Amino acid sequence: MKEATNQVSLKEALKEMLEVYRLKAKLNQTKINAVWSKLMGSSINKYTREIKLRRNKLYITIESASLRQELSYGKEKIIKIINEELGENYIEEVIIR
């Protein structure tokens, strides 16, 4: 007769902990802030004032009006790049201010 074990992998345990304590959004916010410069390049990073994540929406504050306009055309690409970096389809919308 086999004994039942309550063993789970560390990855599964951490994932469950993030969901229970609602830390996933904060973890994703930290990841996005850490990789923004690498993903978008130093020139865009230089004009980026703020990046916030709320309810699966990414709010980006850009200081340059022309860059803001240019980035607004590539919102779908930004969503795709960041979701690939996060490893899941977490970002649903990008709002550039």
Protein backbone atom coordinates (compact mmCIF):
# COMPACT_ATOMS: atom_id res chain seq x y z
CA MET A 1 0.00 0.00 0.00
CA LYS A 2 1.36 3.42 -1.01
CA GLU A 3 1.41 6.32 1.38
CA ALA A 4 -0.07 9.60 0.17
CA THR A 5 2.44 12.43 0.09
CA ASN A 6 1.83 16.14 0.04
CA GLN A 7 4.91 16.93 -1.95
CA VAL A 8 4.82 19.62 -4.59
CA SER A 9 7.62 21.17 -6.54
CA LEU A 10 9.12 24.44 -5.35
CA LYS A 11 7.89 26.14 -8.52
CA GLU A 12 4.31 25.05 -7.89
CA ALA A 13 4.49 26.09 -4.23
CA LEU A 14 5.79 29.57 -5.12
CA LYS A 15 3.19 29.99 -7.84
CA GLU A 16 0.41 29.09 -5.40
CA MET A 17 1.84 31.43 -2.77
CA LEU A 18 1.87 34.34 -5.26
CA GLU A 19 -1.80 33.71 -6.05
CA VAL A 20 -2.91 33.30 -2.43
CA TYR A 21 -1.15 36.46 -1.22
CA ARG A 22 -1.95 38.41 -4.42
CA LEU A 23 1.70 39.22 -5.11
CA LYS A 24 1.71 38.35 -8.80
CA ALA A 25 0.99 41.91 -9.97
CA LYS A 26 3.81 43.33 -7.86
CA LEU A 27 6.21 40.68 -9.08
CA ASN A 28 5.28 41.40 -12.71
CA GLN A 29 5.66 45.17 -12.08
CA THR A 30 9.17 44.57 -10.76
CA LYS A 31 10.05 42.34 -13.72
CA ILE A 32 8.81 44.92 -16.23
CA ASN A 33 10.76 47.74 -14.55
CA ALA A 34 13.89 45.60 -14.56
CA VAL A 35 13.76 44.66 -18.26
CA TRP A 36 12.19 47.81 -19.78
CA SER A 37 15.53 49.29 -20.84
CA LYS A 38 16.68 46.01 -22.36
CA LEU A 39 13.44 45.44 -24.26
CA MET A 40 12.82 48.98 -25.51
CA GLY A 41 16.35 50.34 -25.80
CA SER A 42 18.17 53.12 -24.00
CA SER A 43 16.71 55.95 -26.11
CA ILE A 44 13.12 55.08 -25.19
CA ASN A 45 14.13 54.36 -21.60
CA LYS A 46 15.64 57.85 -21.34
CA TYR A 47 12.24 59.46 -22.05
CA THR A 48 10.23 57.01 -19.91
CA ARG A 49 9.19 58.69 -16.69
CA GLU A 50 6.94 56.06 -15.13
CA ILE A 51 5.71 52.51 -15.70
CA LYS A 52 2.73 51.25 -13.71
CA LEU A 53 0.81 48.02 -13.86
CA ARG A 54 -2.85 47.95 -12.77
CA ARG A 55 -5.42 45.27 -13.47
CA ASN A 56 -3.53 43.79 -16.42
CA LYS A 57 -3.09 47.22 -18.01
CA LEU A 58 0.35 48.76 -18.45
CA TYR A 59 0.47 52.54 -18.04
CA ILE A 60 3.57 54.16 -19.54
CA THR A 61 4.36 57.85 -19.04
CA ILE A 62 6.61 59.26 -21.79
CA GLU A 63 8.07 62.78 -21.66
CA SER A 64 8.48 63.26 -25.42
CA ALA A 65 5.29 63.93 -27.40
CA SER A 66 6.73 62.60 -30.66
CA LEU A 67 7.95 59.40 -29.01
CA ARG A 68 4.59 59.01 -27.28
CA GLN A 69 2.86 59.21 -30.66
CA GLU A 70 5.28 56.73 -32.23
CA LEU A 71 4.87 54.23 -29.39
CA SER A 72 1.09 54.48 -29.61
CA TYR A 73 1.32 52.86 -33.06
CA GLY A 74 3.22 49.88 -31.62
CA LYS A 75 1.06 49.02 -28.60
CA GLU A 76 0.38 45.47 -29.80
CA LYS A 77 4.10 44.86 -30.25
CA ILE A 78 4.83 46.18 -26.75
CA ILE A 79 2.18 43.85 -25.31
CA LYS A 80 3.66 40.90 -27.18
CA ILE A 81 7.26 41.63 -26.13
CA ILE A 82 6.43 42.12 -22.46
CA ASN A 83 4.14 39.09 -22.28
CA GLU A 84 6.91 36.96 -23.80
CA GLU A 85 9.30 38.25 -21.15
CA LEU A 86 6.79 37.50 -18.37
CA GLY A 87 6.13 34.03 -19.81
CA GLU A 88 2.36 34.44 -19.91
CA ASN A 89 -0.37 36.59 -21.45
CA TYR A 90 -0.66 38.95 -18.50
CA ILE A 91 -0.75 42.40 -20.15
CA GLU A 92 -4.04 43.03 -21.96
CA GLU A 93 -3.70 46.71 -22.81
CA VAL A 94 -1.02 49.41 -22.99
CA ILE A 95 -1.92 53.01 -22.23
CA ILE A 96 0.69 55.60 -23.16
CA ARG A 97 0.44 58.99 -21.50
